[in-house]
Amino acid sequence: MKRIASILFTCLLLVSCSEDDGDTVTQIKTTFNFTHNWDGTQVTNADFNTIQYTNANGEELSIEKLRYLISKITFQKSNGDTFIFDDYNLVDVTNNTNLSFSSTTTIPTGNYTKVSFIFGFNNDDNYNNNYTNLNSASWSVPAMLGGGYHYMQLEGKFINNATAETGYAYHAIQAVDNSSATQIFENTFFEVNLGTVVITNDAIFNIKMNIAEWFKNPNTWDLNALNNMLMPNYDVSKRPKCF
């Protein structure tokens, strides 16, 4: 999963320059910018609603909605010091909102052996539907499907085997098995490791999501076989992401 996440998300770090070279910066701010592409071709909401992409299985498709949640941005030092941002960000490409995220938490300058974030929510955060702004964004999951929140919504149209335009909807959630009286859950959130960084001043992380990777790593996805009603399908939902 670590390899898949690193392929799906790549990162470029920019460190700003101090206005005075004599300044000693001890606490800095970080900003995370999120951009999107299809195997290197930029994707914005201006490119939505037009069938123009071809996935690894050969289906032509469009994108009509793309939203996903990132949380628990974490900076770790070699001495064990760890700085965790408790806030989260719902990246909404459809409405061109939250494509840039600056935490109110500051961190010290220095060498970091690992910078990471969670795609979705971990189990401690994904419960009770207590996040008012996510509820108002229709981001919560029905109780019959385990409750909590979505991790991603990716929707659009594709040309099926009958050459007809058909909708697809991939809504990533924590997988739940409702086949018995007690619900059985399986984790589907994952950590994205951005690697090691040296931070000397306010830092900008440019995070690039390759949307095409959702359709080919680790599974080459057949849209004709699996395109809708995926959330209630435990066997499908628990597959390692990406789609």
Protein backbone atom coordinates (compact mmCIF):
# COMPACT_ATOMS: atom_id res chain seq x y z
CA MET A 1 0.00 0.00 0.00
CA LYS A 2 2.91 2.37 0.70
CA ARG A 3 4.11 1.96 -2.90
CA ILE A 4 0.61 2.47 -4.30
CA ALA A 5 0.04 5.60 -2.22
CA SER A 6 3.36 7.07 -3.36
CA ILE A 7 2.36 6.50 -7.00
CA LEU A 8 -1.09 7.98 -6.51
CA PHE A 9 0.19 11.04 -4.65
CA THR A 10 3.47 12.77 -5.42
CA CYS A 11 4.83 15.78 -3.60
CA LEU A 12 7.01 18.80 -4.32
CA LEU A 13 8.21 20.80 -1.33
CA LEU A 14 8.86 24.52 -1.60
CA VAL A 15 10.51 26.34 1.30
CA SER A 16 10.07 30.10 1.38
CA CYS A 17 13.01 32.44 1.93
CA SER A 18 13.36 34.58 5.01
CA GLU A 19 13.16 38.31 4.43
CA ASP A 20 16.28 38.72 6.56
CA ASP A 21 19.05 36.14 6.26
CA GLY A 22 19.93 36.86 9.87
CA ASP A 23 16.53 35.79 11.13
CA THR A 24 16.33 32.53 13.07
CA VAL A 25 13.01 30.83 12.47
CA THR A 26 11.94 28.37 15.15
CA GLN A 27 8.25 27.86 14.37
CA ILE A 28 6.95 27.76 10.81
CA LYS A 29 3.66 27.47 8.98
CA THR A 30 2.88 24.81 6.40
CA THR A 31 0.56 24.90 3.41
CA PHE A 32 -0.62 21.92 1.37
CA ASN A 33 -1.76 22.56 -2.21
CA PHE A 34 -3.65 19.80 -4.02
CA THR A 35 -3.59 19.44 -7.81
CA HIS A 36 -4.88 16.64 -10.00
CA ASN A 37 -3.89 15.00 -13.23
CA TRP A 38 -4.62 12.03 -15.49
CA ASP A 39 -1.26 10.39 -16.15
CA GLY A 40 0.39 13.80 -16.32
CA THR A 41 -2.40 15.79 -18.00
CA GLN A 42 -3.78 18.43 -15.66
CA VAL A 43 -7.36 17.93 -14.46
CA THR A 44 -9.53 20.72 -13.03
CA ASN A 45 -13.29 21.11 -12.76
CA ALA A 46 -13.18 22.87 -16.15
CA ASP A 47 -12.38 19.44 -17.63
CA PHE A 48 -15.37 17.72 -15.99
CA ASN A 49 -18.47 16.37 -17.75
CA THR A 50 -16.67 15.49 -20.99
CA ILE A 51 -15.73 11.92 -21.91
CA GLN A 52 -12.03 12.36 -22.66
CA TYR A 53 -10.06 9.91 -20.50
CA THR A 54 -9.26 6.24 -21.07
CA ASN A 55 -8.57 4.00 -18.09
CA ALA A 56 -6.21 1.01 -17.90
CA ASN A 57 -9.04 -1.36 -18.87
CA GLY A 58 -9.73 0.59 -22.07
CA GLU A 59 -12.99 2.29 -21.06
CA GLU A 60 -13.51 5.89 -22.10
CA LEU A 61 -14.84 8.00 -19.27
CA SER A 62 -15.52 11.42 -17.84
CA ILE A 63 -15.26 12.88 -14.35
CA GLU A 64 -18.25 14.69 -12.90
CA LYS A 65 -17.42 14.73 -9.20
CA LEU A 66 -14.24 14.34 -7.19
CA ARG A 67 -14.08 14.96 -3.46
CA TYR A 68 -11.82 13.35 -0.88
CA LEU A 69 -10.80 13.79 2.73
CA ILE A 70 -7.31 14.11 4.18
CA SER A 71 -6.55 14.16 7.89
CA LYS A 72 -3.86 13.66 10.54
CA ILE A 73 -1.02 15.49 8.79
CA THR A 74 2.01 14.31 10.74
CA PHE A 75 5.64 15.43 10.97
CA GLN A 76 8.14 13.08 12.65
CA LYS A 77 11.74 13.70 13.71
CA SER A 78 14.48 11.12 14.22
CA ASN A 79 14.53 11.82 17.98
CA GLY A 80 10.90 10.71 18.27
CA ASP A 81 9.30 14.15 18.34
CA THR A 82 6.00 13.99 16.48
CA PHE A 83 3.70 16.86 15.47
CA ILE A 84 0.16 15.91 14.46
CA PHE A 85 -2.36 18.32 12.96
CA ASP A 86 -5.78 17.42 14.37
CA ASP A 87 -7.65 19.34 11.66
CA TYR A 88 -8.73 17.85 8.34
CA ASN A 89 -9.50 19.03 4.82
CA LEU A 90 -12.27 18.03 2.40
CA VAL A 91 -10.71 18.60 -1.01
CA ASP A 92 -13.56 19.41 -3.40
CA VAL A 93 -12.37 19.51 -7.00
CA THR A 94 -15.94 19.71 -8.29
CA ASN A 95 -16.57 23.07 -6.64
CA ASN A 96 -12.92 24.19 -6.74
CA THR A 97 -12.77 24.57 -2.97
CA ASN A 98 -10.25 23.55 -0.31
CA LEU A 99 -7.56 22.92 -2.91
CA SER A 100 -5.17 24.68 -0.54
CA PHE A 101 -4.95 23.95 3.16
CA SER A 102 -2.93 25.84 5.80
CA SER A 103 -3.00 24.47 9.30
CA THR A 104 -3.22 26.74 12.33
CA THR A 105 -0.66 24.44 13.99
CA THR A 106 2.97 25.47 13.60
CA ILE A 107 6.01 23.19 13.77
CA PRO A 108 9.71 23.76 14.47
CA THR A 109 12.23 24.07 11.66
CA GLY A 110 14.61 21.18 11.15
CA ASN A 111 15.01 17.73 9.61
CA TYR A 112 11.96 15.48 9.43
CA THR A 113 12.36 11.78 8.74
CA LYS A 114 8.72 11.41 7.72
CA VAL A 115 5.86 13.64 6.64
CA SER A 116 2.52 11.93 6.11
CA PHE A 117 -1.24 12.27 6.06
CA ILE A 118 -4.21 9.92 6.25
CA PHE A 119 -6.44 9.47 3.21
CA GLY A 120 -9.85 9.53 4.85
CA PHE A 121 -10.22 9.18 8.63
CA ASN A 122 -8.61 6.63 10.91
CA ASN A 123 -10.93 4.60 13.15
CA ASP A 124 -10.64 6.99 16.10
CA ASP A 125 -11.83 9.92 14.01
CA ASN A 126 -14.38 8.10 11.83
CA TYR A 127 -17.26 7.72 14.24
CA ASN A 128 -20.40 9.36 15.68
CA ASN A 129 -20.83 11.79 12.77
CA ASN A 130 -19.79 14.70 14.98
CA TYR A 131 -18.27 16.92 12.29
CA THR A 132 -20.90 19.57 11.56
CA ASN A 133 -19.30 20.92 8.39
CA LEU A 134 -18.90 17.41 6.93
CA ASN A 135 -22.53 16.63 7.73
CA SER A 136 -23.67 19.78 5.94
CA ALA A 137 -21.55 18.73 2.95
CA SER A 138 -23.49 15.42 2.75
CA TRP A 139 -20.29 13.55 3.55
CA SER A 140 -21.63 11.16 6.19
CA VAL A 141 -22.34 7.45 5.63
CA PRO A 142 -25.72 5.87 6.57
CA ALA A 143 -25.76 3.78 9.76
CA MET A 144 -26.72 0.67 7.81
CA LEU A 145 -23.39 1.00 6.01
CA GLY A 146 -21.44 1.52 9.22
CA GLY A 147 -21.82 5.26 9.80
CA GLY A 148 -18.87 7.57 9.89
CA TYR A 149 -17.79 9.42 6.78
CA HIS A 150 -16.82 8.97 3.17
CA TYR A 151 -13.15 8.99 2.27
CA MET A 152 -13.72 9.78 -1.41
CA GLN A 153 -16.46 10.36 -3.96
CA LEU A 154 -15.42 9.87 -7.59
CA GLU A 155 -18.21 9.91 -10.17
CA GLY A 156 -18.72 10.29 -13.89
CA LYS A 157 -19.85 8.56 -17.06
CA PHE A 158 -18.23 5.86 -19.19
CA ILE A 159 -18.92 4.14 -22.50
CA ASN A 160 -20.01 0.59 -21.73
CA ASN A 161 -19.70 -2.56 -23.85
CA ALA A 162 -22.97 -1.69 -25.57
CA THR A 163 -21.49 1.71 -26.55
CA ALA A 164 -23.97 3.45 -24.25
CA GLU A 165 -23.10 6.23 -21.84
CA THR A 166 -23.44 4.87 -18.31
CA GLY A 167 -22.80 6.36 -14.90
CA TYR A 168 -20.21 5.15 -12.42
CA ALA A 169 -19.87 6.09 -8.74
CA TYR A 170 -16.94 5.12 -6.54
CA HIS A 171 -17.60 6.13 -2.95
CA ALA A 172 -14.80 4.95 -0.68
CA ILE A 173 -15.82 4.25 2.92
CA GLN A 174 -14.77 1.92 5.71
CA ALA A 175 -15.85 -1.51 4.45
CA VAL A 176 -18.74 -3.08 6.38
CA ASP A 177 -20.14 -6.62 6.24
CA ASN A 178 -23.88 -6.69 7.03
CA SER A 179 -24.34 -10.41 6.39
CA SER A 180 -24.71 -11.23 10.11
CA ALA A 181 -26.37 -9.66 13.13
CA THR A 182 -23.13 -7.91 14.08
CA GLN A 183 -21.51 -5.58 11.58
CA ILE A 184 -17.94 -6.49 10.64
CA PHE A 185 -15.63 -3.65 9.63
CA GLU A 186 -12.41 -3.56 7.66
CA ASN A 187 -10.11 -0.57 7.35
CA THR A 188 -9.76 1.14 3.99
CA PHE A 189 -8.08 4.39 5.04
CA PHE A 190 -4.39 4.55 4.26
CA GLU A 191 -1.35 6.62 5.08
CA VAL A 192 0.38 8.67 2.38
CA ASN A 193 4.09 9.01 3.19
CA LEU A 194 5.65 12.09 1.60
CA GLY A 195 9.15 11.09 2.71
CA THR A 196 11.91 13.07 4.41
CA VAL A 197 12.20 16.86 4.32
CA VAL A 198 14.44 19.60 5.63
CA ILE A 199 12.44 22.67 6.61
CA THR A 200 14.17 25.98 7.24
CA ASN A 201 11.23 28.35 6.86
CA ASP A 202 7.51 28.41 5.97
CA ALA A 203 6.93 25.45 3.68
CA ILE A 204 4.53 24.70 0.80
CA PHE A 205 3.80 21.08 -0.10
CA ASN A 206 2.39 20.63 -3.61
CA ILE A 207 0.49 17.33 -3.57
CA LYS A 208 -0.35 15.85 -6.98
CA MET A 209 -3.05 13.17 -7.33
CA ASN A 210 -2.95 11.01 -10.47
CA ILE A 211 -6.63 10.09 -10.88
CA ALA A 212 -5.80 7.40 -13.46
CA GLU A 213 -4.04 5.37 -10.76
CA TRP A 214 -7.36 4.66 -9.02
CA PHE A 215 -8.29 2.46 -11.98
CA LYS A 216 -5.08 0.44 -12.26
CA ASN A 217 -3.26 -0.01 -8.95
CA PRO A 218 -3.48 -2.56 -7.49
CA ASN A 219 -6.53 -3.63 -9.53
CA THR A 220 -7.27 -3.04 -13.19
CA TRP A 221 -10.88 -2.02 -12.76
CA ASP A 222 -13.57 -3.24 -15.16
CA LEU A 223 -16.24 -0.55 -15.19
CA ASN A 224 -18.67 -2.81 -17.02
CA ALA A 225 -18.59 -5.23 -14.09
CA LEU A 226 -18.37 -2.79 -11.18
CA ASN A 227 -19.63 0.74 -11.62
CA ASN A 228 -22.35 1.47 -9.04
CA MET A 229 -23.63 0.33 -5.63
CA LEU A 230 -20.11 -0.41 -4.46
CA MET A 231 -20.49 0.78 -0.85
CA PRO A 232 -22.85 -2.05 0.22
CA ASN A 233 -20.55 -4.58 -1.49
CA TYR A 234 -18.20 -5.69 1.30
CA ASP A 235 -15.92 -7.75 -0.93
CA VAL A 236 -15.42 -4.81 -3.27
CA SER A 237 -15.18 -2.10 -0.60
CA LYS A 238 -12.50 -3.91 1.37
CA ARG A 239 -10.17 -4.29 -1.62
CA PRO A 240 -6.96 -2.32 -1.22
CA LYS A 241 -7.39 1.15 -2.58
CA CYS A 242 -6.75 2.35 -5.23
CA PHE A 243 -9.72 1.27 -7.30
